[in-house]
Every structure is written in structure tokens, then in C-alpha cells.
Amino acid sequence: MRLIKTFFAVCVAAAMVPVALHASSGAPVLPEQSWSHTGIFGSYDKHAAKRGAQVAVEVCMGCHSISLIKFDQLRALGLSEVEVKKLAEVQGRSKNDRMTSAMDETAAKDSFGVIPPDLSLITKARKGYEDYTYALLTGYPSEAEMELVKKVMAKGAISEQDALEVQSALLINAHDKEQMKAKLERLVGGANFNKYFPGNFLAMPAPISAGSVQYADGTDNSLKQLSRDVVTFLAWAAEPTMEERKSLGFWVMGYLFVLTILLYAIKRRIWAKVH
């Protein structure tokens, strides 16, 4: 019996670790992802970025612009001229046009109450960078989580067990049941809830769902895969010259290393008699 109690105590303590992090930081901890382009030796996954460009054009650009990039620049990801033209035509653009949204600012404000932000630098503009963007795209409640919310709200009062289940599913602090109930009421009422957005509610409904984009190469089009691909593309869009910058950096470091040796040798020769 003591062993069983110990086991359950350990499980509860482990489960409470994310809660403690949530309470101390004021926001849920972002799920950490591995990105091929991070680090000094990192480079973009061109296949993922190419797929992500398709997601961005077919889904994201319905509301958002990526105005610092022209369609023709997508050829750097391996898209052919024909593929670039097809993507541009989706938004009624030519290959020489910038990737601006099909929705004008007035229509966007009427629809969402705010003008959707330009995504050109979005992976650099938010704390958490790529991880935050990925978390935001995957942080909307699933059907199973919505069923849990409806079940809890149908009871009227939120029990301790219900609060813990909701906390585990939606990352809402279980210690403040009044705040939890208020958020669940808004969620059931149709508000756009996201686990990782500060304050949890935002103007943007879930932009991507599993199967919303069909890949020609047969790659899995689950929500997680679509999100990873479009985040990889947005990271490239934020800095398309990153790989060249890193390569140049290595050459500069090599040059400075050789220069340092030469200067040291010259110094030794000039001051040899003094020493």
C-alpha cells in the first residue's frame, strides 16, 4: 500500500511540474521543437520550406501578407517557374508581385476587428520565435478537448477533478476556478481560444486543420506537419539570406585567424632584436 501511495505521489508531482512553470511564468511553457536551421551550422530544410510556401499561399495569405518576399523568390526553395506562377495565381498575383494578402485592410478589420499582422518577420517578432509560431498554430482545442469542455460546463460547477482535467488539456490554471469557468464560458460561446496565446483569446480562428492542404509529393498533411512546414517557410521568409550569412561568417573567421597568425609573425620579426 505504501508503495502504491508513493507511486501516485510521484505521478502527481510530475504532473504538477508544467503547472508550476505555468504559474511562475504567467504563460504555458511552449513545446520545444527541433529546427534544422538553428545553430551556427544550421541550414533550411528546403523540402519543408517548399511545402510551407504552399500552405502559406493557400491558407495564411487569405488574411495575412508576407510582403517582404516576392513570389519569384520562392525559386530559391526549389520551386520551378511554373510552380511559382501557379502559387501566385492562387492569390491573383504574378510572379513579380510581392506576397500580399488577397484581403484588403478594410475587409480584414470588418471581419476580425483588427488588421492581421504581416508574417514576413513573425518568427523573429515573438518571444519563443519558431516554437511560439508552431505552438500557436497547434494550440487550438481539438474536438476531444471541446467535448471535455462541454461535459464540464454541463455540470454547472467545476469539481477539483474536472479542473485538473481541463488544466491538463487546455493549460488553464486549475487553482482559479472562477477564471477557468469564465474562460470556458467564452470558449463554449464561440470565442477563439488558444492554449499558448497570452490571455488565451484572439481574433484569429484556427487557420490550419489536418488535411486542409494537399501535398503533391504525398507528404503527410496532419496538423503538426502542416504547421512545421509553414513555420519553416516563415523562418526562411524572415531571413532568406541566412545560409549565405553563415557561410560568409566562416570565411571571415578563417581570414581573421590567418591574419592574426601573420600579424603575430610580423610582430615577432620586428621586435626580435628588442627581445
Protein backbone atom coordinates (compact mmCIF):
# COMPACT_ATOMS: atom_id res chain seq x y z
CA MET A 1 0.00 0.00 0.00
CA ARG A 2 2.82 2.41 0.86
CA LEU A 3 4.47 1.65 -2.49
CA ILE A 4 1.21 2.46 -4.31
CA LYS A 5 0.84 5.75 -2.40
CA THR A 6 4.43 6.65 -3.23
CA PHE A 7 3.83 5.87 -6.89
CA PHE A 8 0.75 8.10 -7.05
CA ALA A 9 2.57 10.88 -5.20
CA VAL A 10 5.37 10.78 -7.77
CA CYS A 11 2.85 10.86 -10.64
CA VAL A 12 1.05 13.85 -9.15
CA ALA A 13 4.34 15.68 -8.58
CA ALA A 14 5.41 15.02 -12.17
CA ALA A 15 2.06 16.21 -13.47
CA MET A 16 2.34 19.40 -11.44
CA VAL A 17 5.70 20.40 -12.93
CA PRO A 18 4.12 22.08 -16.01
CA VAL A 19 1.59 23.72 -13.67
CA ALA A 20 4.37 25.23 -11.59
CA LEU A 21 6.03 26.53 -14.70
CA HIS A 22 2.71 27.96 -15.85
CA ALA A 23 2.15 29.75 -12.57
CA SER A 24 5.66 31.14 -12.31
CA SER A 25 5.89 32.48 -15.87
CA GLY A 26 2.29 33.54 -16.37
CA ALA A 27 2.05 31.53 -19.59
CA PRO A 28 2.26 27.86 -20.55
CA VAL A 29 5.67 26.51 -21.47
CA LEU A 30 6.00 26.25 -25.24
CA PRO A 31 6.54 22.76 -26.63
CA GLU A 32 10.18 22.79 -27.70
CA GLN A 33 10.80 21.86 -31.32
CA SER A 34 13.92 20.95 -33.25
CA TRP A 35 14.57 23.15 -36.31
CA SER A 36 17.26 22.31 -38.85
CA HIS A 37 18.12 25.98 -39.47
CA THR A 38 19.01 26.93 -35.90
CA GLY A 39 22.59 26.98 -34.62
CA ILE A 40 25.73 28.19 -36.36
CA PHE A 41 25.82 25.16 -38.70
CA GLY A 42 22.06 25.11 -39.34
CA SER A 43 20.50 25.28 -42.79
CA TYR A 44 16.93 25.40 -44.01
CA ASP A 45 15.02 22.24 -44.78
CA LYS A 46 14.21 23.27 -48.35
CA HIS A 47 11.67 20.49 -48.87
CA ALA A 48 9.73 21.55 -45.77
CA ALA A 49 10.01 25.23 -46.69
CA LYS A 50 8.77 24.48 -50.20
CA ARG A 51 5.72 22.68 -48.80
CA GLY A 52 5.29 25.50 -46.29
CA ALA A 53 5.16 28.03 -49.12
CA GLN A 54 2.13 26.17 -50.47
CA VAL A 55 0.45 26.27 -47.04
CA ALA A 56 1.25 29.98 -46.68
CA VAL A 57 -0.24 30.86 -50.06
CA GLU A 58 -3.30 28.60 -49.88
CA VAL A 59 -4.15 29.25 -46.22
CA CYS A 60 -2.28 32.07 -44.47
CA MET A 61 -2.46 34.62 -47.29
CA GLY A 62 -6.23 34.53 -47.20
CA CYS A 63 -5.81 37.11 -44.40
CA HIS A 64 -2.09 37.79 -43.91
CA SER A 65 0.58 39.28 -46.14
CA ILE A 66 4.23 38.24 -46.39
CA SER A 67 5.10 41.48 -48.11
CA LEU A 68 8.89 41.39 -47.82
CA ILE A 69 9.00 38.39 -50.19
CA LYS A 70 8.17 38.30 -53.89
CA PHE A 71 6.66 35.18 -55.41
CA ASP A 72 9.64 34.83 -57.74
CA GLN A 73 11.96 34.48 -54.73
CA LEU A 74 10.33 31.12 -53.98
CA ARG A 75 12.51 29.64 -56.72
CA ALA A 76 15.32 29.72 -54.15
CA LEU A 77 13.43 26.94 -52.34
CA GLY A 78 13.44 24.72 -55.40
CA LEU A 79 10.12 25.68 -56.95
CA SER A 80 10.06 25.78 -60.73
CA GLU A 81 8.86 28.85 -62.61
CA VAL A 82 5.62 27.04 -63.43
CA GLU A 83 5.04 26.21 -59.75
CA VAL A 84 5.74 29.82 -58.75
CA LYS A 85 3.24 31.10 -61.33
CA LYS A 86 0.57 28.67 -60.07
CA LEU A 87 1.05 29.78 -56.47
CA ALA A 88 0.91 33.45 -57.49
CA GLU A 89 -2.30 32.82 -59.42
CA VAL A 90 -3.94 31.40 -56.27
CA GLN A 91 -3.84 34.96 -54.88
CA GLY A 92 -4.49 36.63 -58.23
CA ARG A 93 -0.88 37.80 -58.49
CA SER A 94 2.01 37.46 -60.94
CA LYS A 95 5.41 36.00 -60.13
CA ASN A 96 6.90 39.51 -59.87
CA ASP A 97 4.41 40.66 -57.24
CA ARG A 98 5.01 40.75 -53.52
CA MET A 99 3.19 38.17 -51.40
CA THR A 100 0.39 40.47 -50.24
CA SER A 101 -2.92 39.21 -48.91
CA ALA A 102 -5.98 38.93 -51.09
CA MET A 103 -7.96 40.58 -48.26
CA ASP A 104 -7.66 44.35 -48.03
CA GLU A 105 -7.20 46.05 -44.65
CA THR A 106 -10.76 47.41 -44.50
CA ALA A 107 -12.31 43.99 -45.09
CA ALA A 108 -9.92 42.42 -42.57
CA LYS A 109 -10.82 44.93 -39.88
CA ASP A 110 -14.52 44.43 -40.55
CA SER A 111 -14.12 40.65 -40.25
CA PHE A 112 -11.74 40.37 -37.29
CA GLY A 113 -11.81 43.76 -35.60
CA VAL A 114 -8.07 44.10 -36.19
CA ILE A 115 -5.76 44.11 -39.20
CA PRO A 116 -3.95 40.73 -39.37
CA PRO A 117 -0.19 41.23 -38.91
CA ASP A 118 2.27 40.86 -41.75
CA LEU A 119 4.01 37.49 -41.40
CA SER A 120 7.33 38.44 -43.02
CA LEU A 121 9.14 38.65 -39.67
CA ILE A 122 6.68 36.81 -37.44
CA THR A 123 9.13 34.09 -36.39
CA LYS A 124 11.50 36.77 -35.10
CA ALA A 125 8.89 39.16 -33.70
CA ARG A 126 7.51 36.98 -30.90
CA LYS A 127 9.23 35.58 -27.83
CA GLY A 128 9.77 31.90 -28.48
CA TYR A 129 10.41 32.52 -32.20
CA GLU A 130 9.62 29.44 -34.30
CA ASP A 131 8.46 27.47 -31.26
CA TYR A 132 5.84 30.11 -30.44
CA THR A 133 4.53 30.26 -34.01
CA TYR A 134 4.28 26.46 -34.13
CA ALA A 135 2.60 26.34 -30.70
CA LEU A 136 0.07 28.98 -31.77
CA LEU A 137 -0.89 27.03 -34.89
CA THR A 138 -1.31 23.77 -32.97
CA GLY A 139 -2.70 25.29 -29.75
CA TYR A 140 -6.39 25.47 -30.65
CA PRO A 141 -8.70 22.99 -28.86
CA SER A 142 -9.21 19.64 -30.55
CA GLU A 143 -12.63 18.01 -30.90
CA ALA A 144 -11.90 15.77 -27.90
CA GLU A 145 -10.90 18.79 -25.81
CA MET A 146 -14.07 20.63 -26.80
CA GLU A 147 -16.12 17.60 -25.73
CA LEU A 148 -14.38 17.72 -22.36
CA VAL A 149 -15.21 21.43 -22.00
CA LYS A 150 -18.88 20.86 -22.84
CA LYS A 151 -19.08 17.97 -20.37
CA VAL A 152 -17.57 20.06 -17.58
CA MET A 153 -19.78 23.07 -18.28
CA ALA A 154 -22.90 20.88 -18.38
CA LYS A 155 -22.34 20.04 -14.71
CA GLY A 156 -22.66 23.67 -13.67
CA ALA A 157 -19.94 23.60 -11.02
CA ILE A 158 -16.31 22.68 -11.72
CA SER A 159 -15.03 19.95 -9.41
CA GLU A 160 -11.40 19.55 -8.44
CA GLN A 161 -11.10 16.57 -10.77
CA ASP A 162 -12.71 18.49 -13.63
CA ALA A 163 -10.35 21.43 -13.06
CA LEU A 164 -7.31 19.17 -13.24
CA GLU A 165 -8.57 17.55 -16.45
CA VAL A 166 -9.20 20.95 -18.06
CA GLN A 167 -5.79 22.17 -16.89
CA SER A 168 -4.12 19.15 -18.46
CA ALA A 169 -5.98 19.60 -21.74
CA LEU A 170 -6.10 23.39 -22.14
CA LEU A 171 -3.30 24.58 -19.82
CA ILE A 172 -5.65 26.79 -17.79
CA ASN A 173 -4.61 27.24 -14.16
CA ALA A 174 -6.75 24.87 -12.05
CA HIS A 175 -6.27 26.90 -8.87
CA ASP A 176 -8.50 29.74 -10.07
CA LYS A 177 -11.79 28.02 -10.85
CA GLU A 178 -13.68 31.28 -11.36
CA GLN A 179 -11.28 32.38 -14.05
CA MET A 180 -11.36 28.90 -15.55
CA LYS A 181 -15.15 28.94 -15.67
CA ALA A 182 -15.17 32.38 -17.30
CA LYS A 183 -12.76 31.19 -19.98
CA LEU A 184 -14.71 28.00 -20.62
CA GLU A 185 -17.93 30.01 -20.97
CA ARG A 186 -16.28 32.21 -23.60
CA LEU A 187 -14.92 29.13 -25.35
CA VAL A 188 -18.31 27.41 -25.44
CA GLY A 189 -19.80 30.70 -26.63
CA GLY A 190 -17.67 30.56 -29.77
CA ALA A 191 -14.66 32.70 -28.87
CA ASN A 192 -11.32 31.73 -30.43
CA PHE A 193 -9.29 30.04 -27.69
CA ASN A 194 -5.61 29.16 -27.92
CA LYS A 195 -3.54 27.46 -25.22
CA TYR A 196 -0.38 29.44 -25.95
CA PHE A 197 -1.69 32.89 -26.85
CA PRO A 198 -1.29 35.41 -23.98
CA GLY A 199 -4.72 35.69 -22.36
CA ASN A 200 -5.88 32.67 -24.43
CA PHE A 201 -8.35 34.55 -26.66
CA LEU A 202 -7.56 36.08 -30.03
CA ALA A 203 -9.31 37.33 -33.16
CA MET A 204 -7.93 34.59 -35.42
CA PRO A 205 -9.85 31.31 -35.64
CA ALA A 206 -7.85 28.12 -36.14
CA PRO A 207 -6.16 28.77 -39.52
CA ILE A 208 -4.96 25.24 -40.28
CA SER A 209 -6.53 21.84 -39.80
CA ALA A 210 -5.47 18.36 -40.77
CA GLY A 211 -6.00 17.80 -44.49
CA SER A 212 -6.57 21.48 -45.30
CA VAL A 213 -3.73 21.37 -47.85
CA GLN A 214 -2.93 18.51 -50.19
CA TYR A 215 0.77 17.95 -50.90
CA ALA A 216 1.69 16.80 -54.40
CA ASP A 217 4.62 14.74 -53.08
CA GLY A 218 2.34 12.69 -50.81
CA THR A 219 3.78 14.02 -47.54
CA ASP A 220 1.52 13.56 -44.52
CA ASN A 221 -0.79 16.56 -44.15
CA SER A 222 -1.55 16.30 -40.45
CA LEU A 223 -1.93 19.49 -38.44
CA LYS A 224 1.53 19.10 -36.93
CA GLN A 225 3.20 18.51 -40.31
CA LEU A 226 1.43 21.42 -41.99
CA SER A 227 2.36 23.67 -39.07
CA ARG A 228 6.03 22.62 -39.08
CA ASP A 229 6.25 23.19 -42.81
CA VAL A 230 4.70 26.65 -42.80
CA VAL A 231 6.80 27.73 -39.80
CA THR A 232 9.93 26.57 -41.64
CA PHE A 233 8.84 28.64 -44.64
CA LEU A 234 8.14 31.70 -42.46
CA ALA A 235 11.58 31.33 -40.86
CA TRP A 236 13.09 31.37 -44.35
CA ALA A 237 10.93 34.36 -45.33
CA ALA A 238 12.22 36.26 -42.28
CA GLU A 239 15.83 35.73 -43.37
CA PRO A 240 16.23 34.22 -46.86
CA THR A 241 19.96 35.03 -46.89
CA MET A 242 20.75 33.24 -43.60
CA GLU A 243 22.74 30.43 -45.17
CA GLU A 244 24.87 32.88 -47.17
CA ARG A 245 25.43 34.93 -44.00
CA LYS A 246 26.60 31.89 -42.06
CA SER A 247 28.86 30.77 -44.89
CA LEU A 248 30.40 34.24 -45.14
CA GLY A 249 30.88 34.22 -41.39
CA PHE A 250 33.05 31.11 -41.56
CA TRP A 251 35.19 32.70 -44.30
CA VAL A 252 35.57 35.86 -42.23
CA MET A 253 36.56 33.88 -39.14
CA GLY A 254 39.12 31.94 -41.21
CA TYR A 255 40.51 35.17 -42.66
CA LEU A 256 40.81 36.73 -39.19
CA PHE A 257 42.55 33.61 -37.88
CA VAL A 258 45.15 33.67 -40.68
CA LEU A 259 45.56 37.44 -40.31
CA THR A 260 46.17 37.03 -36.58
CA ILE A 261 48.94 34.50 -37.24
CA LEU A 262 50.56 36.76 -39.85
CA LEU A 263 50.41 39.81 -37.57
CA TYR A 264 51.93 37.81 -34.73
CA ALA A 265 54.73 36.61 -37.03
CA ILE A 266 55.39 40.19 -38.19
CA LYS A 267 55.41 41.40 -34.61
CA ARG A 268 57.95 38.73 -33.67
CA ARG A 269 60.20 39.67 -36.61
CA ILE A 270 60.04 43.42 -35.99
CA TRP A 271 60.71 43.14 -32.26
CA ALA A 272 63.14 40.21 -32.44
CA LYS A 273 66.22 42.36 -31.69
CA VAL A 274 64.50 44.05 -28.74
CA HIS A 275 63.54 40.72 -27.21
